[in-house]
C-alpha cells in the first residue's frame, strides 16, 4: 500500500451509527447543493436569475401613510 492510499483507507467495520449518519448526511447535502446549482444556473432560468439579481438595487416607492 502506498502512503496516499494508506492515508485515505477507511475501517468500515469500526464506524459507529453517528459516523454513518454524518457520512450519509454529507452526501445528501452534496447532492442538494448540486441540484440547487443546476436549478439556479440552468440555461432556461438564466434570464429570470439575471432579473432577480437586481432586486436589492431597485428603489421601492415609500408607503403612503393613512392620515395618522
PDB file of N, CA and C in Angstrom:
ATOM      1  N   UNK A   1       0.849  -1.168   0.000  1.00  0.00           N
ATOM      2  CA  UNK A   1       0.000   0.000   0.000  1.00  0.00           C
ATOM      3  C   UNK A   1       0.901   1.240   0.000  1.00  0.00           C
ATOM      4  N   UNK A   2       0.577   2.174  -0.859  1.00  0.00           N
ATOM      5  CA  UNK A   2       1.374   3.393  -0.901  1.00  0.00           C
ATOM      6  C   UNK A   2       0.953   4.329   0.220  1.00  0.00           C
ATOM      7  N   UNK A   3       1.710   5.355   0.420  1.00  0.00           N
ATOM      8  CA  UNK A   3       1.404   6.298   1.500  1.00  0.00           C
ATOM      9  C   UNK A   3       0.049   6.960   1.315  1.00  0.00           C
ATOM     10  N   UNK A   4      -0.272   7.350   0.091  1.00  0.00           N
ATOM     11  CA  UNK A   4      -1.518   8.079  -0.142  1.00  0.00           C
ATOM     12  C   UNK A   4      -2.739   7.180   0.043  1.00  0.00           C
ATOM     13  N   UNK A   5      -2.690   5.936  -0.416  1.00  0.00           N
ATOM     14  CA  UNK A   5      -3.838   5.046  -0.216  1.00  0.00           C
ATOM     15  C   UNK A   5      -3.972   4.655   1.245  1.00  0.00           C
ATOM     16  N   UNK A   6      -2.884   4.574   1.961  1.00  0.00           N
ATOM     17  CA  UNK A   6      -2.968   4.315   3.394  1.00  0.00           C
ATOM     18  C   UNK A   6      -3.610   5.468   4.142  1.00  0.00           C
ATOM     19  N   UNK A   7      -3.402   6.664   3.656  1.00  0.00           N
ATOM     20  CA  UNK A   7      -3.982   7.849   4.285  1.00  0.00           C
ATOM     21  C   UNK A   7      -5.490   7.891   4.085  1.00  0.00           C
ATOM     22  N   UNK A   8      -5.952   7.465   2.912  1.00  0.00           N
ATOM     23  CA  UNK A   8      -7.376   7.527   2.605  1.00  0.00           C
ATOM     24  C   UNK A   8      -8.122   6.229   2.891  1.00  0.00           C
ATOM     25  N   UNK A   9      -7.492   5.242   3.483  1.00  0.00           N
ATOM     26  CA  UNK A   9      -8.183   3.988   3.778  1.00  0.00           C
ATOM     27  C   UNK A   9      -9.145   4.192   4.947  1.00  0.00           C
ATOM     28  N   UNK A  10     -10.220   3.421   4.949  1.00  0.00           N
ATOM     29  CA  UNK A  10     -11.253   3.550   5.974  1.00  0.00           C
ATOM     30  C   UNK A  10     -11.539   2.192   6.578  1.00  0.00           C
ATOM     31  N   UNK A  11     -11.657   2.154   7.884  1.00  0.00           N
ATOM     32  CA  UNK A  11     -12.042   0.932   8.584  1.00  0.00           C
ATOM     33  C   UNK A  11     -13.563   0.948   8.729  1.00  0.00           C
ATOM     34  N   UNK A  12     -14.244   0.383   7.736  1.00  0.00           N
ATOM     35  CA  UNK A  12     -15.702   0.449   7.688  1.00  0.00           C
ATOM     36  C   UNK A  12     -16.347  -0.265   8.868  1.00  0.00           C
ATOM     37  N   UNK A  13     -15.748  -1.307   9.370  1.00  0.00           N
ATOM     38  CA  UNK A  13     -16.346  -2.089  10.452  1.00  0.00           C
ATOM     39  C   UNK A  13     -16.375  -1.316  11.766  1.00  0.00           C
ATOM     40  N   UNK A  14     -15.467  -0.383  11.947  1.00  0.00           N
ATOM     41  CA  UNK A  14     -15.421   0.330  13.223  1.00  0.00           C
ATOM     42  C   UNK A  14     -16.240   1.619  13.218  1.00  0.00           C
ATOM     43  N   UNK A  15     -16.952   1.894  12.124  1.00  0.00           N
ATOM     44  CA  UNK A  15     -17.758   3.118  12.077  1.00  0.00           C
ATOM     45  C   UNK A  15     -19.003   2.961  12.939  1.00  0.00           C
ATOM     46  N   UNK A  16     -19.289   3.977  13.745  1.00  0.00           N
ATOM     47  CA  UNK A  16     -20.468   3.968  14.606  1.00  0.00           C
ATOM     48  C   UNK A  16     -21.669   4.502  13.832  1.00  0.00           C
ATOM     49  N   UNK A  17     -22.825   4.456  14.465  1.00  0.00           N
ATOM     50  CA  UNK A  17     -24.034   4.979  13.829  1.00  0.00           C
ATOM     51  C   UNK A  17     -23.897   6.472  13.558  1.00  0.00           C
ATOM     52  N   UNK A  18     -23.247   7.184  14.449  1.00  0.00           N
ATOM     53  CA  UNK A  18     -23.031   8.614  14.248  1.00  0.00           C
ATOM     54  C   UNK A  18     -22.120   8.865  13.050  1.00  0.00           C
ATOM     55  N   UNK A  19     -21.104   8.036  12.882  1.00  0.00           N
ATOM     56  CA  UNK A  19     -20.220   8.162  11.722  1.00  0.00           C
ATOM     57  C   UNK A  19     -20.993   7.944  10.425  1.00  0.00           C
ATOM     58  N   UNK A  20     -21.830   6.915  10.398  1.00  0.00           N
ATOM     59  CA  UNK A  20     -22.618   6.628   9.201  1.00  0.00           C
ATOM     60  C   UNK A  20     -23.600   7.760   8.916  1.00  0.00           C
ATOM     61  N   UNK A  21     -24.244   8.262   9.971  1.00  0.00           N
ATOM     62  CA  UNK A  21     -25.179   9.372   9.785  1.00  0.00           C
ATOM     63  C   UNK A  21     -24.459  10.586   9.202  1.00  0.00           C
ATOM     64  N   UNK A  22     -23.293  10.903   9.738  1.00  0.00           N
ATOM     65  CA  UNK A  22     -22.534  12.047   9.240  1.00  0.00           C
ATOM     66  C   UNK A  22     -22.108  11.872   7.799  1.00  0.00           C
ATOM     67  N   UNK A  23     -21.668  10.680   7.440  1.00  0.00           N
ATOM     68  CA  UNK A  23     -21.240  10.419   6.063  1.00  0.00           C
ATOM     69  C   UNK A  23     -22.421  10.515   5.099  1.00  0.00           C
ATOM     70  N   UNK A  24     -23.548   9.921   5.465  1.00  0.00           N
ATOM     71  CA  UNK A  24     -24.724   9.976   4.598  1.00  0.00           C
ATOM     72  C   UNK A  24     -25.296  11.387   4.527  1.00  0.00           C
ATOM     73  N   UNK A  25     -25.265  12.105   5.627  1.00  0.00           N
ATOM     74  CA  UNK A  25     -25.750  13.483   5.642  1.00  0.00           C
ATOM     75  C   UNK A  25     -24.884  14.370   4.740  1.00  0.00           C
ATOM     76  N   UNK A  26     -23.578  14.166   4.777  1.00  0.00           N
ATOM     77  CA  UNK A  26     -22.677  14.937   3.915  1.00  0.00           C
ATOM     78  C   UNK A  26     -22.961  14.653   2.444  1.00  0.00           C
ATOM     79  N   UNK A  27     -23.228  13.398   2.102  1.00  0.00           N
ATOM     80  CA  UNK A  27     -23.561  13.061   0.718  1.00  0.00           C
ATOM     81  C   UNK A  27     -24.903  13.661   0.304  1.00  0.00           C
ATOM     82  N   UNK A  28     -25.862  13.684   1.225  1.00  0.00           N
ATOM     83  CA  UNK A  28     -27.157  14.291   0.938  1.00  0.00           C
ATOM     84  C   UNK A  28     -27.008  15.787   0.692  1.00  0.00           C
ATOM     85  N   UNK A  29     -26.235  16.462   1.523  1.00  0.00           N
ATOM     86  CA  UNK A  29     -26.007  17.897   1.342  1.00  0.00           C
ATOM     87  C   UNK A  29     -25.298  18.157   0.016  1.00  0.00           C
ATOM     88  N   UNK A  30     -24.340  17.329  -0.336  1.00  0.00           N
ATOM     89  CA  UNK A  30     -23.649  17.465  -1.619  1.00  0.00           C
ATOM     90  C   UNK A  30     -24.638  17.345  -2.778  1.00  0.00           C
ATOM     91  N   UNK A  31     -25.513  16.348  -2.720  1.00  0.00           N
ATOM     92  CA  UNK A  31     -26.497  16.154  -3.791  1.00  0.00           C
ATOM     93  C   UNK A  31     -27.453  17.342  -3.878  1.00  0.00           C
ATOM     94  N   UNK A  32     -27.890  17.864  -2.738  1.00  0.00           N
ATOM     95  CA  UNK A  32     -28.793  19.015  -2.744  1.00  0.00           C
ATOM     96  C   UNK A  32     -28.104  20.269  -3.279  1.00  0.00           C
ATOM     97  N   UNK A  33     -26.843  20.453  -2.975  1.00  0.00           N
ATOM     98  CA  UNK A  33     -26.108  21.610  -3.488  1.00  0.00           C
ATOM     99  C   UNK A  33     -25.926  21.510  -5.002  1.00  0.00           C
ATOM    100  N   UNK A  34     -25.629  20.318  -5.505  1.00  0.00           N
ATOM    101  CA  UNK A  34     -25.501  20.134  -6.956  1.00  0.00           C
ATOM    102  C   UNK A  34     -26.831  20.436  -7.629  1.00  0.00           C
ATOM    103  N   UNK A  35     -27.932  19.960  -7.056  1.00  0.00           N
ATOM    104  CA  UNK A  35     -29.260  20.239  -7.611  1.00  0.00           C
ATOM    105  C   UNK A  35     -29.556  21.733  -7.574  1.00  0.00           C
ATOM    106  N   UNK A  36     -29.240  22.412  -6.471  1.00  0.00           N
ATOM    107  CA  UNK A  36     -29.517  23.845  -6.350  1.00  0.00           C
ATOM    108  C   UNK A  36     -28.712  24.648  -7.369  1.00  0.00           C
ATOM    109  N   UNK A  37     -27.450  24.285  -7.566  1.00  0.00           N
ATOM    110  CA  UNK A  37     -26.637  24.980  -8.564  1.00  0.00           C
ATOM    111  C   UNK A  37     -27.189  24.748  -9.962  1.00  0.00           C
ATOM    112  N   UNK A  38     -27.586  23.530 -10.266  1.00  0.00           N
ATOM    113  CA  UNK A  38     -28.170  23.251 -11.575  1.00  0.00           C
ATOM    114  C   UNK A  38     -29.474  24.025 -11.748  1.00  0.00           C
ATOM    115  N   UNK A  39     -30.319  24.038 -10.714  1.00  0.00           N
ATOM    116  CA  UNK A  39     -31.603  24.731 -10.779  1.00  0.00           C
ATOM    117  C   UNK A  39     -31.400  26.227 -11.003  1.00  0.00           C
ATOM    118  N   UNK A  40     -30.456  26.834 -10.308  1.00  0.00           N
ATOM    119  CA  UNK A  40     -30.250  28.276 -10.399  1.00  0.00           C
ATOM    120  C   UNK A  40     -29.576  28.685 -11.701  1.00  0.00           C
ATOM    121  N   UNK A  41     -28.646  27.890 -12.180  1.00  0.00           N
ATOM    122  CA  UNK A  41     -27.842  28.303 -13.320  1.00  0.00           C
ATOM    123  C   UNK A  41     -28.171  27.581 -14.620  1.00  0.00           C
ATOM    124  N   UNK A  42     -29.287  26.872 -14.676  1.00  0.00           N
ATOM    125  CA  UNK A  42     -29.640  26.199 -15.925  1.00  0.00           C
ATOM    126  C   UNK A  42     -30.000  27.248 -16.979  1.00  0.00           C
ATOM    127  N   UNK A  43     -29.744  26.964 -18.246  1.00  0.00           N
ATOM    128  CA  UNK A  43     -29.963  27.963 -19.304  1.00  0.00           C
ATOM    129  C   UNK A  43     -31.407  28.463 -19.388  1.00  0.00           C
ATOM    130  N   UNK A  44     -32.367  27.641 -19.065  1.00  0.00           N
ATOM    131  CA  UNK A  44     -33.762  28.064 -19.135  1.00  0.00           C
ATOM    132  C   UNK A  44     -34.136  29.100 -18.091  1.00  0.00           C
ATOM    133  N   UNK A  45     -33.406  29.178 -17.011  1.00  0.00           N
ATOM    134  CA  UNK A  45     -33.709  30.119 -15.934  1.00  0.00           C
ATOM    135  C   UNK A  45     -32.731  31.297 -15.899  1.00  0.00           C
ATOM    136  N   UNK A  46     -31.880  31.397 -16.887  1.00  0.00           N
ATOM    137  CA  UNK A  46     -30.829  32.420 -16.882  1.00  0.00           C
ATOM    138  C   UNK A  46     -31.413  33.837 -16.843  1.00  0.00           C
ATOM    139  N   UNK A  47     -32.424  34.131 -17.672  1.00  0.00           N
ATOM    140  CA  UNK A  47     -32.991  35.485 -17.705  1.00  0.00           C
ATOM    141  C   UNK A  47     -33.676  35.834 -16.389  1.00  0.00           C
ATOM    142  N   UNK A  48     -34.445  34.908 -15.842  1.00  0.00           N
ATOM    143  CA  UNK A  48     -35.110  35.170 -14.561  1.00  0.00           C
ATOM    144  C   UNK A  48     -34.079  35.385 -13.465  1.00  0.00           C
ATOM    145  N   UNK A  49     -33.015  34.614 -13.481  1.00  0.00           N
ATOM    146  CA  UNK A  49     -31.961  34.750 -12.480  1.00  0.00           C
ATOM    147  C   UNK A  49     -31.293  36.120 -12.590  1.00  0.00           C
ATOM    148  N   UNK A  50     -31.060  36.587 -13.819  1.00  0.00           N
ATOM    149  CA  UNK A  50     -30.447  37.905 -14.006  1.00  0.00           C
ATOM    150  C   UNK A  50     -31.387  39.017 -13.558  1.00  0.00           C
ATOM    151  N   UNK A  51     -32.686  38.895 -13.851  1.00  0.00           N
ATOM    152  CA  UNK A  51     -33.645  39.922 -13.434  1.00  0.00           C
ATOM    153  C   UNK A  51     -33.779  39.954 -11.920  1.00  0.00           C
ATOM    154  N   UNK A  52     -33.840  38.786 -11.292  1.00  0.00           N
ATOM    155  CA  UNK A  52     -33.978  38.731  -9.840  1.00  0.00           C
ATOM    156  C   UNK A  52     -32.710  39.186  -9.132  1.00  0.00           C
ATOM    157  N   UNK A  53     -31.585  39.159  -9.810  1.00  0.00           N
ATOM    158  CA  UNK A  53     -30.333  39.601  -9.205  1.00  0.00           C
ATOM    159  C   UNK A  53     -30.296  41.097  -8.960  1.00  0.00           C
ATOM    160  N   UNK A  54     -31.174  41.850  -9.619  1.00  0.00           N
ATOM    161  CA  UNK A  54     -31.214  43.303  -9.453  1.00  0.00           C
ATOM    162  C   UNK A  54     -32.220  43.757  -8.407  1.00  0.00           C
ATOM    163  N   UNK A  55     -32.925  42.855  -7.783  1.00  0.00           N
ATOM    164  CA  UNK A  55     -33.946  43.219  -6.800  1.00  0.00           C
ATOM    165  C   UNK A  55     -33.378  44.047  -5.649  1.00  0.00           C
ATOM    166  N   UNK A  56     -32.228  43.710  -5.066  1.00  0.00           N
ATOM    167  CA  UNK A  56     -31.734  44.526  -3.947  1.00  0.00           C
ATOM    168  C   UNK A  56     -31.377  45.957  -4.344  1.00  0.00           C
ATOM    169  N   UNK A  57     -31.124  46.214  -5.620  1.00  0.00           N
ATOM    170  CA  UNK A  57     -30.708  47.550  -6.051  1.00  0.00           C
ATOM    171  C   UNK A  57     -31.874  48.451  -6.439  1.00  0.00           C
ATOM    172  N   UNK A  58     -33.070  47.906  -6.606  1.00  0.00           N
ATOM    173  CA  UNK A  58     -34.200  48.711  -7.060  1.00  0.00           C
ATOM    174  C   UNK A  58     -34.773  49.512  -5.908  1.00  0.00           C
ATOM    175  N   UNK A  59     -35.233  50.714  -6.236  1.00  0.00           N
ATOM    176  CA  UNK A  59     -35.872  51.575  -5.237  1.00  0.00           C
ATOM    177  C   UNK A  59     -37.360  51.287  -5.228  1.00  0.00           C
ATOM    178  N   UNK A  60     -37.895  51.128  -4.039  1.00  0.00           N
ATOM    179  CA  UNK A  60     -39.323  50.910  -3.900  1.00  0.00           C
ATOM    180  C   UNK A  60     -39.964  52.227  -3.489  1.00  0.00           C
ATOM    181  N   UNK A  61     -41.176  52.469  -3.942  1.00  0.00           N
ATOM    182  CA  UNK A  61     -41.846  53.707  -3.522  1.00  0.00           C
ATOM    183  C   UNK A  61     -42.131  53.677  -2.024  1.00  0.00           C
ATOM    184  N   UNK A  62     -42.096  54.859  -1.419  1.00  0.00           N
ATOM    185  CA  UNK A  62     -42.390  54.961   0.013  1.00  0.00           C
ATOM    186  C   UNK A  62     -43.864  54.646   0.248  1.00  0.00           C
ATOM    187  N   UNK A  63     -44.181  53.883   1.291  1.00  0.00           N
ATOM    188  CA  UNK A  63     -45.596  53.604   1.573  1.00  0.00           C
ATOM    189  C   UNK A  63     -46.300  54.876   2.034  1.00  0.00           C
ATOM    190  N   UNK A  64     -47.538  55.031   1.575  1.00  0.00           N
ATOM    191  CA  UNK A  64     -48.319  56.213   1.948  1.00  0.00           C
ATOM    192  C   UNK A  64     -48.897  56.016   3.339  1.00  0.00           C
ATOM    193  N   UNK A  65     -48.853  57.063   4.147  1.00  0.00           N
ATOM    194  CA  UNK A  65     -49.450  56.977   5.484  1.00  0.00           C
ATOM    195  C   UNK A  65     -50.953  57.162   5.360  1.00  0.00           C
ATOM    196  N   UNK A  66     -51.690  56.662   6.336  1.00  0.00           N
ATOM    197  CA  UNK A  66     -53.147  56.689   6.285  1.00  0.00           C
ATOM    198  C   UNK A  66     -53.700  57.863   7.085  1.00  0.00           C
ATOM    199  N   UNK A  67     -53.024  58.996   7.046  1.00  0.00           N
ATOM    200  CA  UNK A  67     -53.532  60.193   7.710  1.00  0.00           C
ATOM    201  C   UNK A  67     -53.345  60.186   9.210  1.00  0.00           C
ATOM    202  N   UNK A  68     -52.350  59.521   9.690  1.00  0.00           N
ATOM    203  CA  UNK A  68     -52.111  59.463  11.134  1.00  0.00           C
ATOM    204  C   UNK A  68     -51.430  60.707  11.587  1.00  0.00           C
TER     205      UNK A  68
END
